[in-house]
Amino acid sequence: MVERELERAKNGDPEAFSGIVRSHQHRVYNLALRMLRDPDEAKDATQDIFIKLHSRLKNFRHSSRLSTWVYRVATNHLLDQLRRAKRERTRRINRPWKEVTHLRNDPRSEDPAVVVNQEEVRQIVGEAVDELPDLYRTVIVLHYQQGLSYREIAEILGVSPRTVGTRIHRAKARLRSRLDPVWRGGGIDGGK
């Protein structure tokens, strides 16, 4: 069914392309949100990515899965956008870490102090991830927030799975060195 829809979309069927958009828009938006750190910019980027995908759909070769190709186009577009923003020295945007789904509050805890503490942890970790260079932040977002395997990330970025592993390892080392003083200082509030 996906194959048939893809072929129809490649032949210009707008309904078939709409189906592709519907099946990938949530993941593309989440990726854009985590990389760009601004919901409005993420929405605009998501639209731009699907426009780009539509114009390049005829170039899609079946050497990889459609979802991998979508992620590759989206990631490259977002990295280009980040590079442009860095060159232009645009304003720094705070990342909406409350929307990161894998860091949800413990549903078993109704203790307000625990909930507040979890929010503080989410914010501190989010800020530390934000400070990573794009090269490392990208693999962290794709692996831990989008749930992609090293192999899938390697395909998206055009590198080997070993390179992905190395980048994740280095990103985690940077995060550890950034966060260790916070944790060793007696917790989030620095032991105060």
Protein backbone atom coordinates (compact mmCIF):
# COMPACT_ATOMS: atom_id res chain seq x y z
CA MET A 1 0.00 0.00 0.00
CA VAL A 2 2.78 2.44 0.91
CA GLU A 3 4.58 1.51 -2.30
CA ARG A 4 1.46 2.16 -4.38
CA GLU A 5 0.86 5.50 -2.64
CA LEU A 6 4.48 6.48 -3.23
CA GLU A 7 4.25 5.69 -6.94
CA ARG A 8 1.00 7.65 -7.23
CA ALA A 9 2.63 10.61 -5.46
CA LYS A 10 5.65 10.43 -7.78
CA ASN A 11 3.23 10.60 -10.70
CA GLY A 12 1.69 13.81 -9.35
CA ASP A 13 -1.32 12.55 -7.38
CA PRO A 14 -1.90 15.23 -4.69
CA GLU A 15 -3.99 12.89 -2.50
CA ALA A 16 -1.19 10.35 -2.43
CA PHE A 17 1.35 13.01 -1.46
CA SER A 18 -1.04 14.22 1.25
CA GLY A 19 -1.00 10.69 2.64
CA ILE A 20 2.80 10.78 2.77
CA VAL A 21 2.66 14.15 4.53
CA ARG A 22 0.13 12.86 7.07
CA SER A 23 2.23 9.81 7.88
CA HIS A 24 5.47 11.81 8.40
CA GLN A 25 4.48 15.32 9.47
CA HIS A 26 4.46 14.64 13.22
CA ARG A 27 7.97 13.16 13.22
CA VAL A 28 9.35 15.88 10.93
CA TYR A 29 7.81 18.61 13.11
CA ASN A 30 9.21 17.02 16.30
CA LEU A 31 12.66 16.82 14.72
CA ALA A 32 12.44 20.46 13.61
CA LEU A 33 11.20 21.55 17.04
CA ARG A 34 14.07 19.84 18.82
CA MET A 35 16.70 21.17 16.46
CA LEU A 36 15.38 24.71 16.03
CA ARG A 37 13.97 25.13 19.54
CA ASP A 38 11.07 27.32 18.47
CA PRO A 39 7.54 26.08 17.62
CA ASP A 40 6.87 28.75 14.97
CA GLU A 41 10.19 28.19 13.24
CA ALA A 42 9.59 24.43 13.44
CA LYS A 43 6.20 24.80 11.74
CA ASP A 44 7.70 26.94 8.97
CA ALA A 45 10.61 24.54 8.53
CA THR A 46 8.24 21.56 8.39
CA GLN A 47 6.31 23.22 5.56
CA ASP A 48 9.55 24.04 3.74
CA ILE A 49 10.73 20.44 4.16
CA PHE A 50 7.55 19.02 2.65
CA ILE A 51 7.73 21.47 -0.23
CA LYS A 52 11.31 20.31 -0.80
CA LEU A 53 10.24 16.67 -0.52
CA HIS A 54 7.47 17.21 -3.05
CA SER A 55 9.85 18.77 -5.56
CA ARG A 56 12.41 15.97 -5.05
CA LEU A 57 10.00 13.04 -4.88
CA LYS A 58 10.76 11.94 -8.44
CA ASN A 59 14.42 11.62 -7.42
CA PHE A 60 13.62 9.15 -4.64
CA ARG A 61 15.35 5.86 -5.34
CA HIS A 62 14.17 2.84 -3.48
CA SER A 63 17.66 2.15 -2.11
CA SER A 64 16.41 3.19 1.34
CA ARG A 65 13.06 3.36 3.07
CA LEU A 66 10.90 6.39 2.41
CA SER A 67 11.05 7.38 6.09
CA THR A 68 14.86 7.35 6.01
CA TRP A 69 14.86 9.55 2.92
CA VAL A 70 12.36 11.94 4.57
CA TYR A 71 14.60 12.17 7.65
CA ARG A 72 17.67 12.77 5.48
CA VAL A 73 16.04 15.63 3.59
CA ALA A 74 14.63 17.08 6.82
CA THR A 75 17.91 16.81 8.74
CA ASN A 76 19.93 18.39 5.93
CA HIS A 77 17.40 21.21 5.61
CA LEU A 78 17.45 21.85 9.36
CA LEU A 79 21.25 21.75 9.58
CA ASP A 80 21.43 24.25 6.71
CA GLN A 81 18.94 26.47 8.51
CA LEU A 82 20.97 26.27 11.73
CA ARG A 83 24.17 27.16 9.85
CA ARG A 84 22.47 30.17 8.28
CA ALA A 85 21.16 31.29 11.65
CA LYS A 86 24.59 30.92 13.21
CA ARG A 87 26.19 32.96 10.43
CA GLU A 88 23.60 35.68 10.81
CA ARG A 89 23.94 35.59 14.62
CA THR A 90 20.20 35.52 15.07
CA ARG A 91 18.62 35.54 18.49
CA ARG A 92 19.03 32.51 20.73
CA ILE A 93 15.76 30.67 21.14
CA ASN A 94 14.85 28.64 24.21
CA ARG A 95 13.99 25.05 23.54
CA PRO A 96 10.52 23.93 24.64
CA TRP A 97 11.71 20.98 26.72
CA LYS A 98 8.28 20.47 28.24
CA GLU A 99 7.35 18.95 24.88
CA VAL A 100 10.09 16.31 25.01
CA THR A 101 8.01 13.19 25.48
CA HIS A 102 10.64 10.80 26.83
CA LEU A 103 11.25 13.01 29.88
CA ARG A 104 7.70 12.92 31.16
CA ASN A 105 6.88 13.25 34.82
CA ASP A 106 6.51 10.00 36.71
CA PRO A 107 2.74 9.36 36.48
CA ARG A 108 2.83 7.49 39.80
CA SER A 109 3.99 10.59 41.62
CA GLU A 110 1.49 13.17 42.67
CA ASP A 111 3.95 14.86 45.02
CA PRO A 112 4.28 18.47 43.79
CA ALA A 113 7.92 18.60 44.92
CA VAL A 114 8.76 15.60 42.75
CA VAL A 115 6.95 17.10 39.76
CA VAL A 116 8.78 20.42 40.20
CA ASN A 117 12.11 18.61 40.54
CA GLN A 118 11.45 16.66 37.32
CA GLU A 119 10.69 19.91 35.50
CA GLU A 120 13.96 21.38 36.76
CA VAL A 121 15.88 18.30 35.60
CA ARG A 122 14.20 18.52 32.18
CA GLN A 123 15.18 22.20 31.90
CA ILE A 124 18.80 21.65 32.97
CA VAL A 125 19.31 18.69 30.65
CA GLY A 126 17.60 20.60 27.83
CA GLU A 127 19.90 23.57 28.26
CA ALA A 128 22.94 21.29 28.28
CA VAL A 129 21.81 19.61 25.05
CA ASP A 130 21.18 23.05 23.53
CA GLU A 131 24.80 23.99 24.20
CA LEU A 132 26.16 21.02 22.24
CA PRO A 133 27.64 21.73 18.81
CA ASP A 134 25.17 20.99 15.98
CA LEU A 135 27.12 17.85 15.02
CA TYR A 136 26.51 16.28 18.44
CA ARG A 137 23.08 17.75 19.15
CA THR A 138 21.78 16.29 15.87
CA VAL A 139 22.70 12.70 16.75
CA ILE A 140 21.35 13.10 20.30
CA VAL A 141 18.03 14.41 18.97
CA LEU A 142 17.75 11.72 16.29
CA HIS A 143 18.66 8.87 18.64
CA TYR A 144 17.17 9.77 22.02
CA GLN A 145 14.26 11.98 21.03
CA GLN A 146 13.28 10.54 17.67
CA GLY A 147 14.15 6.95 18.58
CA LEU A 148 16.23 6.19 15.50
CA SER A 149 18.88 3.47 15.44
CA TYR A 150 22.55 4.17 14.75
CA ARG A 151 22.09 2.59 11.32
CA GLU A 152 19.14 4.85 10.48
CA ILE A 153 21.02 7.95 11.66
CA ALA A 154 24.05 6.90 9.63
CA GLU A 155 21.89 6.65 6.51
CA ILE A 156 20.33 10.06 7.18
CA LEU A 157 23.65 11.81 7.79
CA GLY A 158 25.63 9.90 5.16
CA VAL A 159 28.18 8.56 7.66
CA SER A 160 28.96 5.13 9.09
CA PRO A 161 27.11 3.72 12.12
CA ARG A 162 30.47 3.73 13.91
CA THR A 163 30.75 7.50 13.33
CA VAL A 164 27.25 7.92 14.76
CA GLY A 165 28.30 5.92 17.82
CA THR A 166 31.42 8.04 18.24
CA ARG A 167 29.43 11.26 17.99
CA ILE A 168 26.88 10.04 20.52
CA HIS A 169 29.68 8.95 22.86
CA ARG A 170 31.37 12.36 22.58
CA ALA A 171 28.07 14.19 23.05
CA LYS A 172 27.34 12.17 26.19
CA ALA A 173 30.84 12.90 27.51
CA ARG A 174 30.25 16.62 27.00
CA LEU A 175 26.87 16.38 28.69
CA ARG A 176 28.38 14.44 31.57
CA SER A 177 31.09 17.04 32.12
CA ARG A 178 28.51 19.83 31.93
CA LEU A 179 26.02 18.13 34.25
CA ASP A 180 28.34 16.42 36.77
CA PRO A 181 28.90 19.61 38.80
CA VAL A 182 25.13 20.04 39.06
CA TRP A 183 24.52 16.50 40.27
CA ARG A 184 27.57 16.38 42.55
CA GLY A 185 26.72 19.74 44.05
CA GLY A 186 23.85 18.17 45.95
CA GLY A 187 21.21 18.15 43.28
CA ILE A 188 19.60 20.66 41.06
CA ASP A 189 19.53 23.42 43.59
CA GLY A 190 23.27 22.98 44.24
CA GLY A 191 22.64 21.51 47.69
CA LYS A 192 21.06 24.69 49.02
